[in-house]
Amino acid sequence: MEEVRASSAWVASRSSHVTVDTSGIEKVVETIKDSIPKIEWDFEGIHYFDNGPLTVQYLFVLDALNFCFWPDEDLNYDNLASGLKAALQNDKSVFDADRLQKYTGPQLRELLKWPRPLPLEDERVRLMHEIGLELERSFEGKASNLVESCGKSAAKLVALVTCHFPGFRDHSLYKGHQVFLYKRAQIFAADLWGAFKGKGYGEFNDIGSVTIFADYIVPAVLRQLGVLRYSSALASIIEANSEIGSGSEEEVELRACSVYAVEKMRELISQKSGKQVLSVELDLWLWSFGIQCPSLQHHRTLSIYY
């Protein structure tokens, strides 16, 4: 994940639409440094968990599909997580690798009990086929084998996932420089760590290497907290609910500056309080803050990466 940190810092140092406000970081850190808000991973009770390989399979399918809800204003992450959970409780073979390769759009809708086409539905189906095929080809059909092969290293798991599954290769070109963000690959490691409470399939010796997961919500929360500042042109685009192109400078800056800002927050918390806080924990706090503010305006980009 060092390439995520390094390339995000590179963007932040050259960004023209998004600025990381050092004084804003200091104010937020001063507020939370003595009592980092701890958020339970499944605080809403929406995820499947049986403490075994089926949970790993569920989380991998969930994180393969965890992107782009905003075009349908009634759809959100909770619908995906709880819909897949209910499907698995009803049929334990629903995410077997051979079945993942055969789903159609209408069948995915039926799984989720969703009444109309999903945003980027063809892409979601394509990614289900991709993970089913590669799990079958390289990991005997089981995401748990993928996790076991990483030797308790979150960084190695992210590298394996992005190597074997092209749909997780979340990177962009920015001013001629390659920027790595790997949101869904990293969130798979974090979900395992959160679900299994750092034990078994969720035991990673380097969970601190995981960065935040650059999505829609976190930049909006960081702006609300005064940590990020937007140019007037970018602010106008977001406030008008206009779409921002995937891979555009504005979009890359929103995501990369969020990663960089939270890394700076984490470092400052450590300096001021002597406590080591994980980016994963800060991300969960920021995200839970964000979903409790339905009026928060976020950027809109059609993307399979978040």
Protein backbone atom coordinates (compact mmCIF):
# COMPACT_ATOMS: atom_id res chain seq x y z
CA MET A 1 0.00 0.00 0.00
CA GLU A 2 3.05 2.26 -0.01
CA GLU A 3 2.32 3.03 -3.66
CA VAL A 4 -1.16 4.24 -2.58
CA ARG A 5 0.38 6.54 0.03
CA ALA A 6 3.18 7.78 -2.21
CA SER A 7 1.05 8.43 -5.28
CA SER A 8 -1.67 10.14 -3.20
CA ALA A 9 0.97 12.44 -1.66
CA TRP A 10 2.24 13.19 -5.19
CA VAL A 11 -1.27 14.26 -6.25
CA ALA A 12 -1.82 16.33 -3.08
CA SER A 13 1.39 18.28 -3.72
CA ARG A 14 0.26 19.19 -7.26
CA SER A 15 -3.49 19.44 -6.81
CA SER A 16 -5.28 22.46 -8.28
CA HIS A 17 -8.94 21.70 -7.47
CA VAL A 18 -8.64 20.24 -3.94
CA THR A 19 -6.48 21.56 -1.11
CA VAL A 20 -5.55 19.74 2.11
CA ASP A 21 -5.92 22.30 4.91
CA THR A 22 -3.26 21.73 7.59
CA SER A 23 -5.04 23.93 10.15
CA GLY A 24 -8.25 21.97 9.51
CA ILE A 25 -6.41 18.72 10.23
CA GLU A 26 -5.04 20.19 13.47
CA LYS A 27 -8.51 21.26 14.64
CA VAL A 28 -10.06 17.83 13.99
CA VAL A 29 -7.15 16.02 15.63
CA GLU A 30 -7.35 18.31 18.69
CA THR A 31 -11.01 17.32 19.05
CA ILE A 32 -10.60 13.55 18.74
CA LYS A 33 -7.01 12.81 19.78
CA ASP A 34 -7.83 11.69 23.34
CA SER A 35 -10.83 9.57 22.47
CA ILE A 36 -10.79 8.22 18.93
CA PRO A 37 -14.42 7.29 18.28
CA LYS A 38 -14.52 3.48 18.02
CA ILE A 39 -17.09 2.18 15.57
CA GLU A 40 -18.02 -1.49 15.48
CA TRP A 41 -17.45 -2.98 12.02
CA ASP A 42 -21.01 -4.32 11.67
CA PHE A 43 -22.67 -1.59 13.71
CA GLU A 44 -25.83 -1.84 11.62
CA GLY A 45 -26.10 -5.65 11.69
CA ILE A 46 -26.34 -5.92 7.90
CA HIS A 47 -23.53 -8.40 7.12
CA TYR A 48 -23.46 -12.19 6.93
CA PHE A 49 -21.11 -13.80 9.45
CA ASP A 50 -20.63 -17.47 10.37
CA ASN A 51 -16.97 -17.29 11.46
CA GLY A 52 -15.89 -19.51 8.55
CA PRO A 53 -15.01 -19.72 4.84
CA LEU A 54 -18.54 -18.84 3.73
CA THR A 55 -18.15 -15.40 5.33
CA VAL A 56 -14.94 -14.88 3.32
CA GLN A 57 -16.79 -15.84 0.11
CA TYR A 58 -19.62 -13.47 1.01
CA LEU A 59 -17.24 -10.57 1.72
CA PHE A 60 -15.36 -11.09 -1.54
CA VAL A 61 -18.58 -11.02 -3.58
CA LEU A 62 -19.78 -8.00 -1.58
CA ASP A 63 -16.56 -6.08 -2.22
CA ALA A 64 -16.55 -7.02 -5.90
CA LEU A 65 -19.95 -5.29 -6.18
CA ASN A 66 -19.42 -2.45 -3.70
CA PHE A 67 -19.52 0.58 -6.00
CA CYS A 68 -21.67 3.27 -7.58
CA PHE A 69 -25.01 3.35 -5.76
CA TRP A 70 -25.82 7.05 -6.22
CA PRO A 71 -27.60 6.93 -9.64
CA ASP A 72 -30.51 5.16 -7.89
CA GLU A 73 -31.43 7.41 -4.98
CA ASP A 74 -33.10 4.55 -3.07
CA LEU A 75 -30.10 2.20 -3.37
CA ASN A 76 -27.19 2.15 -0.94
CA TYR A 77 -24.50 -0.11 0.48
CA ASP A 78 -26.89 -1.47 3.13
CA ASN A 79 -29.18 -2.83 0.39
CA LEU A 80 -26.24 -4.67 -1.17
CA ALA A 81 -24.82 -6.08 2.09
CA SER A 82 -28.16 -7.15 3.55
CA GLY A 83 -29.47 -8.41 0.19
CA LEU A 84 -26.46 -10.67 -0.33
CA LYS A 85 -26.71 -11.79 3.32
CA ALA A 86 -30.36 -12.82 2.88
CA ALA A 87 -29.55 -14.62 -0.39
CA LEU A 88 -26.79 -16.62 1.30
CA GLN A 89 -28.94 -17.48 4.31
CA ASN A 90 -31.55 -18.80 1.89
CA ASP A 91 -29.10 -20.83 -0.26
CA LYS A 92 -25.59 -21.62 0.95
CA SER A 93 -24.36 -22.36 -2.61
CA VAL A 94 -25.44 -19.01 -4.04
CA PHE A 95 -21.84 -17.71 -4.23
CA ASP A 96 -20.16 -20.91 -5.37
CA ALA A 97 -17.58 -20.08 -8.05
CA ASP A 98 -19.40 -21.95 -10.83
CA ARG A 99 -22.66 -20.14 -10.09
CA LEU A 100 -20.97 -16.73 -9.92
CA GLN A 101 -19.91 -17.22 -13.57
CA LYS A 102 -23.51 -17.60 -14.77
CA TYR A 103 -25.48 -14.76 -13.19
CA THR A 104 -27.43 -12.36 -15.39
CA GLY A 105 -28.57 -8.85 -14.52
CA PRO A 106 -32.15 -9.90 -13.74
CA GLN A 107 -30.84 -12.77 -11.57
CA LEU A 108 -28.63 -10.38 -9.58
CA ARG A 109 -31.64 -8.09 -9.09
CA GLU A 110 -33.63 -11.09 -7.88
CA LEU A 111 -30.85 -11.98 -5.41
CA LEU A 112 -30.96 -8.47 -3.97
CA LYS A 113 -34.76 -8.23 -4.23
CA TRP A 114 -34.26 -5.02 -6.21
CA PRO A 115 -37.22 -4.00 -8.40
CA ARG A 116 -35.36 -2.32 -11.29
CA PRO A 117 -32.02 -2.39 -13.13
CA LEU A 118 -29.03 -1.64 -10.91
CA PRO A 119 -26.58 1.18 -11.73
CA LEU A 120 -23.79 -0.23 -13.95
CA GLU A 121 -25.58 -3.57 -13.86
CA ASP A 122 -23.67 -5.06 -16.81
CA GLU A 123 -20.39 -4.23 -15.07
CA ARG A 124 -21.58 -5.80 -11.82
CA VAL A 125 -22.47 -9.01 -13.65
CA ARG A 126 -19.16 -8.98 -15.52
CA LEU A 127 -17.27 -8.69 -12.24
CA MET A 128 -19.24 -11.58 -10.68
CA HIS A 129 -18.24 -13.70 -13.69
CA GLU A 130 -14.62 -12.55 -13.37
CA ILE A 131 -14.25 -13.47 -9.69
CA GLY A 132 -16.06 -16.79 -10.18
CA LEU A 133 -13.79 -17.79 -13.07
CA GLU A 134 -10.52 -16.79 -11.40
CA LEU A 135 -11.46 -18.26 -8.01
CA GLU A 136 -12.21 -21.54 -9.78
CA ARG A 137 -9.03 -21.40 -11.87
CA SER A 138 -6.53 -20.39 -9.19
CA PHE A 139 -8.06 -20.92 -5.73
CA GLU A 140 -10.23 -24.07 -5.99
CA GLY A 141 -13.30 -21.83 -6.08
CA LYS A 142 -12.77 -20.43 -2.59
CA ALA A 143 -11.96 -16.89 -1.51
CA SER A 144 -10.77 -18.41 1.79
CA ASN A 145 -7.90 -20.07 -0.14
CA LEU A 146 -7.01 -16.66 -1.59
CA VAL A 147 -6.86 -15.21 1.93
CA GLU A 148 -4.88 -18.14 3.34
CA SER A 149 -2.28 -17.75 0.59
CA CYS A 150 -1.38 -14.21 1.74
CA GLY A 151 0.42 -15.34 4.90
CA LYS A 152 -1.42 -12.96 7.26
CA SER A 153 -0.30 -9.91 5.25
CA ALA A 154 -2.95 -7.36 4.22
CA ALA A 155 -0.48 -5.83 1.75
CA LYS A 156 0.10 -9.21 0.13
CA LEU A 157 -3.64 -9.85 -0.01
CA VAL A 158 -4.22 -6.53 -1.82
CA ALA A 159 -1.38 -7.40 -4.23
CA LEU A 160 -2.85 -10.86 -4.89
CA VAL A 161 -6.36 -9.52 -5.43
CA THR A 162 -5.22 -6.83 -7.86
CA CYS A 163 -2.95 -9.31 -9.67
CA HIS A 164 -5.62 -11.98 -10.19
CA PHE A 165 -8.78 -9.86 -10.54
CA PRO A 166 -8.55 -6.96 -13.03
CA GLY A 167 -11.81 -5.44 -11.76
CA PHE A 168 -10.01 -4.47 -8.53
CA ARG A 169 -7.20 -2.55 -10.31
CA ASP A 170 -8.21 0.88 -9.14
CA HIS A 171 -5.62 3.25 -10.57
CA SER A 172 -5.58 6.37 -12.74
CA LEU A 173 -3.24 8.59 -14.70
CA TYR A 174 -2.80 12.08 -13.26
CA LYS A 175 -0.58 14.65 -14.97
CA GLY A 176 1.38 11.79 -16.56
CA HIS A 177 1.85 9.97 -13.23
CA GLN A 178 0.18 6.69 -12.23
CA VAL A 179 -1.95 6.96 -9.08
CA PHE A 180 -2.98 3.86 -7.11
CA LEU A 181 -6.01 3.91 -4.81
CA TYR A 182 -7.15 0.25 -4.62
CA LYS A 183 -10.32 1.05 -2.67
CA ARG A 184 -12.18 -2.26 -3.04
CA ALA A 185 -9.09 -4.48 -2.70
CA GLN A 186 -8.12 -2.73 0.53
CA ILE A 187 -11.66 -2.77 1.89
CA PHE A 188 -11.73 -6.56 1.41
CA ALA A 189 -8.75 -6.85 3.79
CA ALA A 190 -10.38 -4.38 6.20
CA ASP A 191 -13.74 -6.19 6.09
CA LEU A 192 -12.03 -9.48 6.95
CA TRP A 193 -10.17 -7.79 9.82
CA GLY A 194 -13.39 -6.18 11.09
CA ALA A 195 -15.63 -9.22 10.68
CA PHE A 196 -13.24 -11.73 12.26
CA LYS A 197 -12.00 -9.17 14.84
CA GLY A 198 -8.39 -9.56 13.79
CA LYS A 199 -8.38 -13.34 14.24
CA GLY A 200 -8.53 -16.33 11.89
CA TYR A 201 -9.22 -15.17 8.36
CA GLY A 202 -9.02 -11.59 9.64
CA GLU A 203 -5.57 -11.82 11.23
CA PHE A 204 -3.09 -9.52 9.50
CA ASN A 205 0.30 -8.61 10.91
CA ASP A 206 0.32 -5.40 8.88
CA ILE A 207 -3.26 -4.07 9.09
CA GLY A 208 -1.66 -0.66 9.71
CA SER A 209 -0.47 -0.64 6.09
CA VAL A 210 -4.07 -0.27 4.83
CA THR A 211 -5.08 3.31 3.93
CA ILE A 212 -8.56 4.79 3.96
CA PHE A 213 -10.92 3.78 1.18
CA ALA A 214 -11.31 6.71 -1.19
CA ASP A 215 -15.00 6.86 -2.12
CA TYR A 216 -17.80 9.46 -2.33
CA ILE A 217 -18.54 9.87 1.35
CA VAL A 218 -15.09 10.42 2.87
CA PRO A 219 -14.12 13.49 0.75
CA ALA A 220 -17.48 15.11 1.54
CA VAL A 221 -17.02 14.50 5.28
CA LEU A 222 -13.44 15.82 5.20
CA ARG A 223 -14.70 18.96 3.47
CA GLN A 224 -17.44 19.37 6.09
CA LEU A 225 -14.79 19.04 8.83
CA GLY A 226 -12.61 21.70 7.18
CA VAL A 227 -9.84 19.26 6.26
CA LEU A 228 -10.35 19.58 2.48
CA ARG A 229 -11.08 22.76 0.55
CA TYR A 230 -12.44 22.78 -3.00
CA SER A 231 -11.92 25.32 -5.77
CA SER A 232 -15.04 27.39 -6.47
CA ALA A 233 -15.42 25.64 -9.85
CA LEU A 234 -15.33 22.16 -8.28
CA ALA A 235 -17.66 23.20 -5.45
CA SER A 236 -20.16 24.49 -8.04
CA ILE A 237 -20.06 21.20 -9.98
CA ILE A 238 -20.72 19.16 -6.82
CA GLU A 239 -23.44 21.49 -5.54
CA ALA A 240 -25.20 21.29 -8.93
CA ASN A 241 -25.08 17.45 -8.73
CA SER A 242 -23.27 17.46 -12.06
CA GLU A 243 -21.25 14.41 -13.01
CA ILE A 244 -17.44 14.40 -12.76
CA GLY A 245 -15.68 12.17 -15.27
CA SER A 246 -13.93 9.02 -14.07
CA GLY A 247 -10.16 9.57 -14.21
CA SER A 248 -10.51 13.35 -14.52
CA GLU A 249 -8.11 15.57 -12.55
CA GLU A 250 -10.92 16.65 -10.24
CA GLU A 251 -11.94 13.08 -9.44
CA VAL A 252 -8.39 11.85 -8.83
CA GLU A 253 -7.68 14.84 -6.60
CA LEU A 254 -10.83 14.30 -4.51
CA ARG A 255 -9.84 10.72 -3.81
CA ALA A 256 -6.06 11.03 -3.50
CA CYS A 257 -6.20 14.15 -1.30
CA SER A 258 -8.59 12.30 1.02
CA VAL A 259 -6.06 9.47 1.43
CA TYR A 260 -3.23 11.94 2.02
CA ALA A 261 -5.24 14.05 4.51
CA VAL A 262 -6.20 11.06 6.67
CA GLU A 263 -2.60 9.82 6.67
CA LYS A 264 -1.60 13.26 7.99
CA MET A 265 -4.38 13.08 10.61
CA ARG A 266 -3.13 9.68 11.72
CA GLU A 267 0.46 10.92 12.04
CA LEU A 268 -0.62 13.98 14.03
CA ILE A 269 -2.76 11.90 16.41
CA SER A 270 0.26 9.71 17.06
CA GLN A 271 2.49 12.75 17.72
CA LYS A 272 0.01 14.48 20.04
CA SER A 273 -1.34 11.52 22.01
CA GLY A 274 1.29 8.82 21.57
CA LYS A 275 -1.51 6.51 20.40
CA GLN A 276 -1.28 4.52 17.20
CA VAL A 277 -4.55 4.76 15.31
CA LEU A 278 -5.31 2.76 12.18
CA SER A 279 -6.46 4.37 8.94
CA VAL A 280 -9.12 1.62 8.88
CA GLU A 281 -10.54 2.94 12.17
CA LEU A 282 -10.50 6.55 10.98
CA ASP A 283 -12.20 5.54 7.73
CA LEU A 284 -15.00 3.74 9.59
CA TRP A 285 -15.50 6.78 11.82
CA LEU A 286 -15.58 9.18 8.83
CA TRP A 287 -17.92 6.93 6.84
CA SER A 288 -20.36 6.44 9.76
CA PHE A 289 -20.29 10.23 10.30
CA GLY A 290 -21.11 10.70 6.62
CA ILE A 291 -24.04 8.32 6.38
CA GLN A 292 -25.64 10.05 9.38
CA CYS A 293 -25.65 13.31 7.35
CA PRO A 294 -28.00 12.59 4.44
CA SER A 295 -27.83 16.23 3.30
CA LEU A 296 -24.06 15.96 2.70
CA GLN A 297 -23.39 16.58 -0.99
CA HIS A 298 -20.82 14.29 -2.58
CA HIS A 299 -19.24 14.19 -6.01
CA ARG A 300 -20.88 12.02 -8.66
CA THR A 301 -18.76 9.77 -10.83
CA LEU A 302 -19.77 6.62 -12.69
CA SER A 303 -17.06 4.15 -11.68
CA ILE A 304 -16.67 0.47 -10.89
CA TYR A 305 -13.97 1.27 -8.33
CA TYR A 306 -16.13 2.91 -5.63
